[in-house]
Amino acid sequence: MSEIPDEWLWPRFDEPELTDRLLMDQAAFLDLWLNMAAQLPPREFTDEVFATGIGYPWPRPDGSFVLSEGEGLLLRELDAERRQREIAELTGRESGRIPMLAIGSNASPEGLWRKFGHFPDPADRTLLAVAGTLHDFDVGATAELALYGALPATVFPSPGARVSAMAIWVTPAQLTQLTWAEIPYWLGRLDARFDFEAPIAELGASGFDRSLVFVNRFGAFAPEGEPIALAAIPAEVRNAREMTQTELLTLTAALAFDAGMSPQDLVRAAFEKPAETGPIVTAIMRSNSLPFESDRWTPFPG
């Protein structure tokens, strides 16, 4: 494994509709988002649905791993020969893979497999995820209620913070799939230090200083003017208040409807009455958001 080269090349997408969406201004995107929400049909709400939502960002291995047929195989549990082979094959230039940061569900084998499990090519069902620490940014809740009933992740500036994240090396097909799936997100370059965990750094590459990352268009959930960090994502140094998904949903329900509304009832309403619930939640989240701003961020295509 080598350091990220100095020359920066933006990914190329062969799907004009996807590129057009990435380049939309905020007003046009909001119109698109509200139109999509208006067309969302009612869905069945169950206890299992709620449990899945509050389980976000879903389990991730305790260390670097290889995604292999839906399983996260810890690198440290592979023999030395296979470990070296997997790293070389999944990060080398000849692989055609692109490194990027994964801060939420894209760092979870479960979340990744939902997006990649259908690919016919085994290479597009496989990737390397290297655990490490992102500096001077934290991972917070977005000002958006996702379809699965949770407030997903986005980065926000936090000088001095050191938060857990993953570096993943994706094929062009995987990056395209992720970008289609991350509808309310910008894709761009973040100029921030990411240190690989020690067992990987000992192999010769310590990390990188810039990488692709998704940033939520709606910004961070900040009902008191400051972003709220996701308690499920560890940090060595955290300056922001943190909350669990249940706490975030409880707060969202109180702001959008009533202090007595439970998180289960909020998600039930979002599932069963999306045309009524969606606009109300979107409006209240927008009024309690902090847009992402950083001079260390360059949105696609640069």
C-alpha atoms as a PDB file:
ATOM      1  CA  MET A   1       0.000   0.000   0.000  1.00  0.00           C
ATOM      2  CA  SER A   2       1.278   3.459  -0.860  1.00  0.00           C
ATOM      3  CA  GLU A   3       0.388   7.002   0.124  1.00  0.00           C
ATOM      4  CA  ILE A   4      -2.221   8.820  -1.988  1.00  0.00           C
ATOM      5  CA  PRO A   5      -0.313  10.411  -4.925  1.00  0.00           C
ATOM      6  CA  ASP A   6       0.103  14.187  -5.070  1.00  0.00           C
ATOM      7  CA  GLU A   7      -1.756  14.426  -8.382  1.00  0.00           C
ATOM      8  CA  TRP A   8      -5.494  14.664  -7.777  1.00  0.00           C
ATOM      9  CA  LEU A   9      -7.865  13.189 -10.354  1.00  0.00           C
ATOM     10  CA  TRP A  10     -11.622  13.507 -10.035  1.00  0.00           C
ATOM     11  CA  PRO A  11     -13.658  10.379 -10.771  1.00  0.00           C
ATOM     12  CA  ARG A  12     -15.488  10.263 -14.074  1.00  0.00           C
ATOM     13  CA  PHE A  13     -19.111   9.176 -14.200  1.00  0.00           C
ATOM     14  CA  ASP A  14     -20.524   7.890 -17.471  1.00  0.00           C
ATOM     15  CA  GLU A  15     -24.104   8.648 -16.406  1.00  0.00           C
ATOM     16  CA  PRO A  16     -25.093  12.263 -17.236  1.00  0.00           C
ATOM     17  CA  GLU A  17     -28.162  12.143 -14.994  1.00  0.00           C
ATOM     18  CA  LEU A  18     -25.976  11.339 -11.986  1.00  0.00           C
ATOM     19  CA  THR A  19     -23.516  14.112 -12.813  1.00  0.00           C
ATOM     20  CA  ASP A  20     -26.383  16.580 -13.280  1.00  0.00           C
ATOM     21  CA  ARG A  21     -27.688  15.733  -9.809  1.00  0.00           C
ATOM     22  CA  LEU A  22     -24.282  16.211  -8.229  1.00  0.00           C
ATOM     23  CA  LEU A  23     -23.976  19.647  -9.842  1.00  0.00           C
ATOM     24  CA  MET A  24     -27.470  20.875  -8.862  1.00  0.00           C
ATOM     25  CA  ASP A  25     -27.639  24.056  -6.831  1.00  0.00           C
ATOM     26  CA  GLN A  26     -29.405  23.913  -3.490  1.00  0.00           C
ATOM     27  CA  ALA A  27     -32.721  25.368  -4.698  1.00  0.00           C
ATOM     28  CA  ALA A  28     -32.995  22.884  -7.561  1.00  0.00           C
ATOM     29  CA  PHE A  29     -32.016  19.994  -5.315  1.00  0.00           C
ATOM     30  CA  LEU A  30     -34.570  20.920  -2.668  1.00  0.00           C
ATOM     31  CA  ASP A  31     -37.289  20.923  -5.341  1.00  0.00           C
ATOM     32  CA  LEU A  32     -36.117  17.481  -6.451  1.00  0.00           C
ATOM     33  CA  TRP A  33     -36.055  16.210  -2.861  1.00  0.00           C
ATOM     34  CA  LEU A  34     -39.560  17.442  -2.036  1.00  0.00           C
ATOM     35  CA  ASN A  35     -40.895  16.026  -5.305  1.00  0.00           C
ATOM     36  CA  MET A  36     -39.362  12.633  -4.495  1.00  0.00           C
ATOM     37  CA  ALA A  37     -40.824  12.750  -0.992  1.00  0.00           C
ATOM     38  CA  ALA A  38     -44.289  13.553  -2.355  1.00  0.00           C
ATOM     39  CA  GLN A  39     -44.177  10.447  -4.532  1.00  0.00           C
ATOM     40  CA  LEU A  40     -43.055   8.113  -1.757  1.00  0.00           C
ATOM     41  CA  PRO A  41     -45.768   5.485  -1.117  1.00  0.00           C
ATOM     42  CA  PRO A  42     -46.826   4.418   2.385  1.00  0.00           C
ATOM     43  CA  ARG A  43     -44.749   1.582   3.809  1.00  0.00           C
ATOM     44  CA  GLU A  44     -45.381  -0.955   6.533  1.00  0.00           C
ATOM     45  CA  PHE A  45     -43.946  -0.028   9.918  1.00  0.00           C
ATOM     46  CA  THR A  46     -42.803  -2.825  12.232  1.00  0.00           C
ATOM     47  CA  ASP A  47     -40.689  -3.186  15.350  1.00  0.00           C
ATOM     48  CA  GLU A  48     -37.987  -4.687  13.132  1.00  0.00           C
ATOM     49  CA  VAL A  49     -38.036  -1.584  10.915  1.00  0.00           C
ATOM     50  CA  PHE A  50     -37.578   0.652  13.935  1.00  0.00           C
ATOM     51  CA  ALA A  51     -34.782  -1.525  15.340  1.00  0.00           C
ATOM     52  CA  THR A  52     -32.950  -1.368  12.016  1.00  0.00           C
ATOM     53  CA  GLY A  53     -33.178   2.412  11.936  1.00  0.00           C
ATOM     54  CA  ILE A  54     -31.903   3.053  15.441  1.00  0.00           C
ATOM     55  CA  GLY A  55     -29.105   0.550  14.779  1.00  0.00           C
ATOM     56  CA  TYR A  56     -27.584   3.000  12.282  1.00  0.00           C
ATOM     57  CA  PRO A  57     -24.713   3.205  11.307  1.00  0.00           C
ATOM     58  CA  TRP A  58     -24.804  -0.557  11.868  1.00  0.00           C
ATOM     59  CA  PRO A  59     -22.025  -2.770  13.193  1.00  0.00           C
ATOM     60  CA  ARG A  60     -18.506  -2.479  11.849  1.00  0.00           C
ATOM     61  CA  PRO A  61     -15.523  -4.691  12.690  1.00  0.00           C
ATOM     62  CA  ASP A  62     -13.057  -3.533  15.308  1.00  0.00           C
ATOM     63  CA  GLY A  63     -10.293  -2.823  12.838  1.00  0.00           C
ATOM     64  CA  SER A  64      -9.462  -2.949   9.149  1.00  0.00           C
ATOM     65  CA  PHE A  65     -11.339  -5.534   7.123  1.00  0.00           C
ATOM     66  CA  VAL A  66     -11.966  -7.022   3.714  1.00  0.00           C
ATOM     67  CA  LEU A  67     -15.574  -7.167   2.544  1.00  0.00           C
ATOM     68  CA  SER A  68     -15.935 -10.692   1.181  1.00  0.00           C
ATOM     69  CA  GLU A  69     -19.356 -12.012   0.147  1.00  0.00           C
ATOM     70  CA  GLY A  70     -21.093  -9.949   2.802  1.00  0.00           C
ATOM     71  CA  GLU A  71     -18.654 -10.708   5.601  1.00  0.00           C
ATOM     72  CA  GLY A  72     -16.153  -8.313   7.132  1.00  0.00           C
ATOM     73  CA  LEU A  73     -12.948 -10.337   7.465  1.00  0.00           C
ATOM     74  CA  LEU A  74     -10.566  -8.685   9.911  1.00  0.00           C
ATOM     75  CA  LEU A  75      -7.147  -8.207   8.348  1.00  0.00           C
ATOM     76  CA  ARG A  76      -5.398  -9.059  11.584  1.00  0.00           C
ATOM     77  CA  GLU A  77      -7.049 -12.497  11.569  1.00  0.00           C
ATOM     78  CA  LEU A  78      -5.778 -13.361   8.067  1.00  0.00           C
ATOM     79  CA  ASP A  79      -2.389 -15.012   7.667  1.00  0.00           C
ATOM     80  CA  ALA A  80       0.440 -12.666   6.680  1.00  0.00           C
ATOM     81  CA  GLU A  81       0.597 -13.850   3.061  1.00  0.00           C
ATOM     82  CA  ARG A  82      -3.112 -13.394   2.422  1.00  0.00           C
ATOM     83  CA  ARG A  83      -3.140 -10.054   4.255  1.00  0.00           C
ATOM     84  CA  GLN A  84      -0.390  -8.693   2.026  1.00  0.00           C
ATOM     85  CA  ARG A  85      -2.074 -10.103  -1.089  1.00  0.00           C
ATOM     86  CA  GLU A  86      -5.471  -8.561  -0.268  1.00  0.00           C
ATOM     87  CA  ILE A  87      -3.962  -5.134   0.428  1.00  0.00           C
ATOM     88  CA  ALA A  88      -1.920  -5.178  -2.774  1.00  0.00           C
ATOM     89  CA  GLU A  89      -4.821  -6.354  -4.951  1.00  0.00           C
ATOM     90  CA  LEU A  90      -7.409  -3.994  -3.467  1.00  0.00           C
ATOM     91  CA  THR A  91      -5.344  -0.797  -3.288  1.00  0.00           C
ATOM     92  CA  GLY A  92      -2.825  -1.049  -6.135  1.00  0.00           C
ATOM     93  CA  ARG A  93      -3.016   1.262  -9.158  1.00  0.00           C
ATOM     94  CA  GLU A  94      -3.760  -1.678 -11.442  1.00  0.00           C
ATOM     95  CA  SER A  95      -6.944  -2.349  -9.463  1.00  0.00           C
ATOM     96  CA  GLY A  96      -8.512   0.851 -10.787  1.00  0.00           C
ATOM     97  CA  ARG A  97      -9.907   1.522  -7.324  1.00  0.00           C
ATOM     98  CA  ILE A  98     -10.438   4.959  -5.796  1.00  0.00           C
ATOM     99  CA  PRO A  99      -9.814   5.633  -2.076  1.00  0.00           C
ATOM    100  CA  MET A 100     -12.446   7.535  -0.129  1.00  0.00           C
ATOM    101  CA  LEU A 101     -13.554   8.078   3.452  1.00  0.00           C
ATOM    102  CA  ALA A 102     -16.488   6.159   4.877  1.00  0.00           C
ATOM    103  CA  ILE A 103     -17.994   7.837   7.928  1.00  0.00           C
ATOM    104  CA  GLY A 104     -21.383   6.180   8.440  1.00  0.00           C
ATOM    105  CA  SER A 105     -23.054   3.067   7.058  1.00  0.00           C
ATOM    106  CA  ASN A 106     -20.476   2.807   4.268  1.00  0.00           C
ATOM    107  CA  ALA A 107     -18.016   1.662   6.946  1.00  0.00           C
ATOM    108  CA  SER A 108     -20.287  -1.264   7.835  1.00  0.00           C
ATOM    109  CA  PRO A 109     -20.095  -4.607   5.992  1.00  0.00           C
ATOM    110  CA  GLU A 110     -23.874  -4.863   6.383  1.00  0.00           C
ATOM    111  CA  GLY A 111     -24.437  -1.446   4.839  1.00  0.00           C
ATOM    112  CA  LEU A 112     -21.934  -2.056   2.039  1.00  0.00           C
ATOM    113  CA  TRP A 113     -23.365  -5.447   1.169  1.00  0.00           C
ATOM    114  CA  ARG A 114     -26.838  -3.957   0.724  1.00  0.00           C
ATOM    115  CA  LYS A 115     -25.364  -1.759  -2.009  1.00  0.00           C
ATOM    116  CA  PHE A 116     -22.861  -4.125  -3.609  1.00  0.00           C
ATOM    117  CA  GLY A 117     -24.271  -7.611  -3.124  1.00  0.00           C
ATOM    118  CA  HIS A 118     -26.114  -7.584  -6.474  1.00  0.00           C
ATOM    119  CA  PHE A 119     -23.030  -6.985  -8.636  1.00  0.00           C
ATOM    120  CA  PRO A 120     -22.172  -9.958 -10.914  1.00  0.00           C
ATOM    121  CA  ASP A 121     -18.424  -9.233 -10.889  1.00  0.00           C
ATOM    122  CA  PRO A 122     -16.807 -10.504  -7.645  1.00  0.00           C
ATOM    123  CA  ALA A 123     -14.425  -7.510  -7.695  1.00  0.00           C
ATOM    124  CA  ASP A 124     -17.416  -5.189  -7.336  1.00  0.00           C
ATOM    125  CA  ARG A 125     -18.620  -7.161  -4.307  1.00  0.00           C
ATOM    126  CA  THR A 126     -15.253  -6.875  -2.576  1.00  0.00           C
ATOM    127  CA  LEU A 127     -13.282  -4.024  -1.028  1.00  0.00           C
ATOM    128  CA  LEU A 128     -10.698  -3.162   1.581  1.00  0.00           C
ATOM    129  CA  ALA A 129     -11.660  -0.938   4.505  1.00  0.00           C
ATOM    130  CA  VAL A 130      -8.812   0.492   6.579  1.00  0.00           C
ATOM    131  CA  ALA A 131      -9.669   1.769  10.043  1.00  0.00           C
ATOM    132  CA  GLY A 132      -8.205   5.019  11.234  1.00  0.00           C
ATOM    133  CA  THR A 133      -8.682   8.486  12.638  1.00  0.00           C
ATOM    134  CA  LEU A 134      -9.900  11.641  10.890  1.00  0.00           C
ATOM    135  CA  HIS A 135      -8.456  14.874  12.311  1.00  0.00           C
ATOM    136  CA  ASP A 136     -10.161  18.238  12.871  1.00  0.00           C
ATOM    137  CA  PHE A 137     -13.591  17.006  11.801  1.00  0.00           C
ATOM    138  CA  ASP A 138     -16.287  15.056  13.611  1.00  0.00           C
ATOM    139  CA  VAL A 139     -19.188  12.904  12.446  1.00  0.00           C
ATOM    140  CA  GLY A 140     -22.613  14.241  13.298  1.00  0.00           C
ATOM    141  CA  ALA A 141     -26.273  13.692  12.589  1.00  0.00           C
ATOM    142  CA  THR A 142     -27.664  15.173   9.393  1.00  0.00           C
ATOM    143  CA  ALA A 143     -30.627  17.532   9.326  1.00  0.00           C
ATOM    144  CA  GLU A 144     -32.538  14.842   7.458  1.00  0.00           C
ATOM    145  CA  LEU A 145     -34.683  11.843   8.400  1.00  0.00           C
ATOM    146  CA  ALA A 146     -33.600   9.001   6.119  1.00  0.00           C
ATOM    147  CA  LEU A 147     -35.993   6.500   4.558  1.00  0.00           C
ATOM    148  CA  TYR A 148     -34.954   3.809   7.046  1.00  0.00           C
ATOM    149  CA  GLY A 149     -35.917   5.971  10.017  1.00  0.00           C
ATOM    150  CA  ALA A 150     -32.650   7.450  11.306  1.00  0.00           C
ATOM    151  CA  LEU A 151     -30.604  10.627  11.111  1.00  0.00           C
ATOM    152  CA  PRO A 152     -27.600   9.522   9.061  1.00  0.00           C
ATOM    153  CA  ALA A 153     -24.025  10.738   9.249  1.00  0.00           C
ATOM    154  CA  THR A 154     -22.204  13.745   7.881  1.00  0.00           C
ATOM    155  CA  VAL A 155     -18.881  15.372   8.716  1.00  0.00           C
ATOM    156  CA  PHE A 156     -18.578  18.805  10.270  1.00  0.00           C
ATOM    157  CA  PRO A 157     -15.518  20.907  11.176  1.00  0.00           C
ATOM    158  CA  SER A 158     -14.298  20.466  14.738  1.00  0.00           C
ATOM    159  CA  PRO A 159     -10.736  21.716  15.321  1.00  0.00           C
ATOM    160  CA  GLY A 160      -8.752  19.311  17.464  1.00  0.00           C
ATOM    161  CA  ALA A 161     -11.257  16.468  17.143  1.00  0.00           C
ATOM    162  CA  ARG A 162     -10.125  12.959  16.233  1.00  0.00           C
ATOM    163  CA  VAL A 163     -12.943  10.723  15.099  1.00  0.00           C
ATOM    164  CA  SER A 164     -13.089   7.111  13.968  1.00  0.00           C
ATOM    165  CA  ALA A 165     -13.616   6.501  10.237  1.00  0.00           C
ATOM    166  CA  MET A 166     -12.705   4.058   7.495  1.00  0.00           C
ATOM    167  CA  ALA A 167     -10.829   4.458   4.235  1.00  0.00           C
ATOM    168  CA  ILE A 168     -12.379   2.271   1.543  1.00  0.00           C
ATOM    169  CA  TRP A 169     -10.990   1.540  -1.922  1.00  0.00           C
ATOM    170  CA  VAL A 170     -13.889   1.327  -4.376  1.00  0.00           C
ATOM    171  CA  THR A 171     -14.187   0.244  -7.992  1.00  0.00           C
ATOM    172  CA  PRO A 172     -15.807   2.665 -10.480  1.00  0.00           C
ATOM    173  CA  ALA A 173     -18.988   0.580 -10.324  1.00  0.00           C
ATOM    174  CA  GLN A 174     -19.015   0.737  -6.524  1.00  0.00           C
ATOM    175  CA  LEU A 175     -18.443   4.498  -6.471  1.00  0.00           C
ATOM    176  CA  THR A 176     -21.237   5.016  -8.982  1.00  0.00           C
ATOM    177  CA  GLN A 177     -23.562   2.849  -6.894  1.00  0.00           C
ATOM    178  CA  LEU A 178     -22.680   4.730  -3.696  1.00  0.00           C
ATOM    179  CA  THR A 179     -23.212   8.086  -5.384  1.00  0.00           C
ATOM    180  CA  TRP A 180     -26.624   7.084  -6.706  1.00  0.00           C
ATOM    181  CA  ALA A 181     -27.594   5.819  -3.241  1.00  0.00           C
ATOM    182  CA  GLU A 182     -26.361   8.885  -1.341  1.00  0.00           C
ATOM    183  CA  ILE A 183     -29.070  11.120  -2.815  1.00  0.00           C
ATOM    184  CA  PRO A 184     -28.952  14.048  -0.353  1.00  0.00           C
ATOM    185  CA  TYR A 185     -25.156  14.205  -0.388  1.00  0.00           C
ATOM    186  CA  TRP A 186     -22.501  16.137  -2.255  1.00  0.00           C
ATOM    187  CA  LEU A 187     -19.415  14.253  -3.356  1.00  0.00           C
ATOM    188  CA  GLY A 188     -16.167  16.147  -2.944  1.00  0.00           C
ATOM    189  CA  ARG A 189     -12.595  16.276  -1.700  1.00  0.00           C
ATOM    190  CA  LEU A 190     -11.780  16.820   1.949  1.00  0.00           C
ATOM    191  CA  ASP A 191      -8.299  18.147   2.743  1.00  0.00           C
ATOM    192  CA  ALA A 192      -7.883  16.668   6.211  1.00  0.00           C
ATOM    193  CA  ARG A 193      -5.478  14.204   7.768  1.00  0.00           C
ATOM    194  CA  PHE A 194      -6.593  10.585   8.028  1.00  0.00           C
ATOM    195  CA  ASP A 195      -4.205   8.315   9.927  1.00  0.00           C
ATOM    196  CA  PHE A 196      -4.333   4.575   9.268  1.00  0.00           C
ATOM    197  CA  GLU A 197      -4.479   2.342  12.319  1.00  0.00           C
ATOM    198  CA  ALA A 198      -1.078   1.164  13.546  1.00  0.00           C
ATOM    199  CA  PRO A 199      -1.079  -2.375  12.039  1.00  0.00           C
ATOM    200  CA  ILE A 200      -1.587  -0.880   8.566  1.00  0.00           C
ATOM    201  CA  ALA A 201       0.763   2.074   9.059  1.00  0.00           C
ATOM    202  CA  GLU A 202       3.501  -0.403  10.000  1.00  0.00           C
ATOM    203  CA  LEU A 203       3.266  -1.814   6.462  1.00  0.00           C
ATOM    204  CA  GLY A 204       4.603   1.427   5.003  1.00  0.00           C
ATOM    205  CA  ALA A 205       1.736   3.888   4.503  1.00  0.00           C
ATOM    206  CA  SER A 206       0.677   6.093   7.396  1.00  0.00           C
ATOM    207  CA  GLY A 207      -2.453   7.639   5.859  1.00  0.00           C
ATOM    208  CA  PHE A 208      -3.409  10.506   3.583  1.00  0.00           C
ATOM    209  CA  ASP A 209      -4.164  14.220   3.698  1.00  0.00           C
ATOM    210  CA  ARG A 210      -7.052  14.399   1.221  1.00  0.00           C
ATOM    211  CA  SER A 211      -9.750  12.060   0.043  1.00  0.00           C
ATOM    212  CA  LEU A 212     -13.191  11.787  -1.451  1.00  0.00           C
ATOM    213  CA  VAL A 213     -16.067  11.978   1.007  1.00  0.00           C
ATOM    214  CA  PHE A 214     -19.834  12.481   0.959  1.00  0.00           C
ATOM    215  CA  VAL A 215     -21.177  15.582   2.735  1.00  0.00           C
ATOM    216  CA  ASN A 216     -24.881  16.013   3.388  1.00  0.00           C
ATOM    217  CA  ARG A 217     -26.547  18.879   1.505  1.00  0.00           C
ATOM    218  CA  PHE A 218     -28.879  19.636   4.409  1.00  0.00           C
ATOM    219  CA  GLY A 219     -25.996  20.125   6.817  1.00  0.00           C
ATOM    220  CA  ALA A 220     -25.683  18.952  10.401  1.00  0.00           C
ATOM    221  CA  PHE A 221     -28.585  18.773  12.843  1.00  0.00           C
ATOM    222  CA  ALA A 222     -27.941  21.709  15.174  1.00  0.00           C
ATOM    223  CA  PRO A 223     -31.084  22.662  17.128  1.00  0.00           C
ATOM    224  CA  GLU A 224     -29.077  24.854  19.519  1.00  0.00           C
ATOM    225  CA  GLY A 225     -26.746  26.231  16.869  1.00  0.00           C
ATOM    226  CA  GLU A 226     -24.067  23.561  17.329  1.00  0.00           C
ATOM    227  CA  PRO A 227     -23.829  20.198  15.494  1.00  0.00           C
ATOM    228  CA  ILE A 228     -24.711  17.050  17.397  1.00  0.00           C
ATOM    229  CA  ALA A 229     -22.230  14.181  17.068  1.00  0.00           C
ATOM    230  CA  LEU A 230     -23.334  10.583  16.590  1.00  0.00           C
ATOM    231  CA  ALA A 231     -22.702   8.687  19.804  1.00  0.00           C
ATOM    232  CA  ALA A 232     -22.405   5.419  17.852  1.00  0.00           C
ATOM    233  CA  ILE A 233     -19.224   6.634  16.137  1.00  0.00           C
ATOM    234  CA  PRO A 234     -16.258   6.708  18.560  1.00  0.00           C
ATOM    235  CA  ALA A 235     -13.916   9.659  18.876  1.00  0.00           C
ATOM    236  CA  GLU A 236     -10.604  10.000  20.680  1.00  0.00           C
ATOM    237  CA  VAL A 237     -11.240  13.717  21.121  1.00  0.00           C
ATOM    238  CA  ARG A 238     -14.779  15.080  20.757  1.00  0.00           C
ATOM    239  CA  ASN A 239     -15.774  18.691  21.309  1.00  0.00           C
ATOM    240  CA  ALA A 240     -19.453  18.357  20.381  1.00  0.00           C
ATOM    241  CA  ARG A 241     -22.400  17.031  22.336  1.00  0.00           C
ATOM    242  CA  GLU A 242     -23.307  13.507  21.243  1.00  0.00           C
ATOM    243  CA  MET A 243     -26.619  11.657  21.026  1.00  0.00           C
ATOM    244  CA  THR A 244     -27.893   8.183  20.218  1.00  0.00           C
ATOM    245  CA  GLN A 245     -30.365   7.633  17.395  1.00  0.00           C
ATOM    246  CA  THR A 246     -33.197   7.225  19.898  1.00  0.00           C
ATOM    247  CA  GLU A 247     -32.321  10.564  21.500  1.00  0.00           C
ATOM    248  CA  LEU A 248     -32.078  12.250  18.098  1.00  0.00           C
ATOM    249  CA  LEU A 249     -35.470  10.909  16.992  1.00  0.00           C
ATOM    250  CA  THR A 250     -37.038  11.982  20.291  1.00  0.00           C
ATOM    251  CA  LEU A 251     -35.703  15.501  19.810  1.00  0.00           C
ATOM    252  CA  THR A 252     -36.848  15.589  16.170  1.00  0.00           C
ATOM    253  CA  ALA A 253     -40.342  14.444  17.138  1.00  0.00           C
ATOM    254  CA  ALA A 254     -40.598  17.143  19.803  1.00  0.00           C
ATOM    255  CA  LEU A 255     -39.488  19.866  17.391  1.00  0.00           C
ATOM    256  CA  ALA A 256     -41.683  18.758  14.503  1.00  0.00           C
ATOM    257  CA  PHE A 257     -44.824  17.628  16.328  1.00  0.00           C
ATOM    258  CA  ASP A 258     -45.142  17.312  20.097  1.00  0.00           C
ATOM    259  CA  ALA A 259     -42.926  16.755  23.105  1.00  0.00           C
ATOM    260  CA  GLY A 260     -44.980  13.694  23.981  1.00  0.00           C
ATOM    261  CA  MET A 261     -44.428  12.002  20.616  1.00  0.00           C
ATOM    262  CA  SER A 262     -42.244   8.914  20.873  1.00  0.00           C
ATOM    263  CA  PRO A 263     -39.464   8.129  18.397  1.00  0.00           C
ATOM    264  CA  GLN A 264     -41.430   5.037  17.346  1.00  0.00           C
ATOM    265  CA  ASP A 265     -44.462   7.178  16.522  1.00  0.00           C
ATOM    266  CA  LEU A 266     -42.313   9.575  14.507  1.00  0.00           C
ATOM    267  CA  VAL A 267     -40.861   6.793  12.372  1.00  0.00           C
ATOM    268  CA  ARG A 268     -44.288   5.160  12.068  1.00  0.00           C
ATOM    269  CA  ALA A 269     -45.713   8.422  10.741  1.00  0.00           C
ATOM    270  CA  ALA A 270     -42.813   8.758   8.293  1.00  0.00           C
ATOM    271  CA  PHE A 271     -43.486   5.245   7.002  1.00  0.00           C
ATOM    272  CA  GLU A 272     -47.266   5.212   6.963  1.00  0.00           C
ATOM    273  CA  LYS A 273     -48.012   8.852   6.051  1.00  0.00           C
ATOM    274  CA  PRO A 274     -44.970  10.079   4.100  1.00  0.00           C
ATOM    275  CA  ALA A 275     -46.819  12.737   2.095  1.00  0.00           C
ATOM    276  CA  GLU A 276     -47.965  14.403   5.342  1.00  0.00           C
ATOM    277  CA  THR A 277     -44.958  13.748   7.547  1.00  0.00           C
ATOM    278  CA  GLY A 278     -42.126  14.375   5.084  1.00  0.00           C
ATOM    279  CA  PRO A 279     -42.690  18.096   4.415  1.00  0.00           C
ATOM    280  CA  ILE A 280     -43.190  18.852   8.125  1.00  0.00           C
ATOM    281  CA  VAL A 281     -40.012  17.069   9.177  1.00  0.00           C
ATOM    282  CA  THR A 282     -38.017  18.531   6.275  1.00  0.00           C
ATOM    283  CA  ALA A 283     -39.100  22.066   7.173  1.00  0.00           C
ATOM    284  CA  ILE A 284     -38.273  21.731  10.870  1.00  0.00           C
ATOM    285  CA  MET A 285     -34.934  20.083  10.150  1.00  0.00           C
ATOM    286  CA  ARG A 286     -33.975  22.862   7.730  1.00  0.00           C
ATOM    287  CA  SER A 287     -34.689  25.448  10.415  1.00  0.00           C
ATOM    288  CA  ASN A 288     -32.485  23.539  12.865  1.00  0.00           C
ATOM    289  CA  SER A 289     -29.513  22.851  10.614  1.00  0.00           C
ATOM    290  CA  LEU A 290     -25.996  24.155  10.247  1.00  0.00           C
ATOM    291  CA  PRO A 291     -24.822  24.158   6.607  1.00  0.00           C
ATOM    292  CA  PHE A 292     -21.462  22.573   5.937  1.00  0.00           C
ATOM    293  CA  GLU A 293     -18.762  25.169   5.407  1.00  0.00           C
ATOM    294  CA  SER A 294     -15.026  24.593   5.283  1.00  0.00           C
ATOM    295  CA  ASP A 295     -12.153  25.981   3.252  1.00  0.00           C
ATOM    296  CA  ARG A 296     -10.802  22.443   3.281  1.00  0.00           C
ATOM    297  CA  TRP A 297     -13.699  21.145   1.185  1.00  0.00           C
ATOM    298  CA  THR A 298     -13.936  21.128  -2.623  1.00  0.00           C
ATOM    299  CA  PRO A 299     -17.182  19.811  -4.129  1.00  0.00           C
ATOM    300  CA  PHE A 300     -17.118  17.681  -7.275  1.00  0.00           C
ATOM    301  CA  PRO A 301     -15.845  18.398  -9.909  1.00  0.00           C
ATOM    302  CA  GLY A 302     -13.392  20.799  -8.326  1.00  0.00           C
END
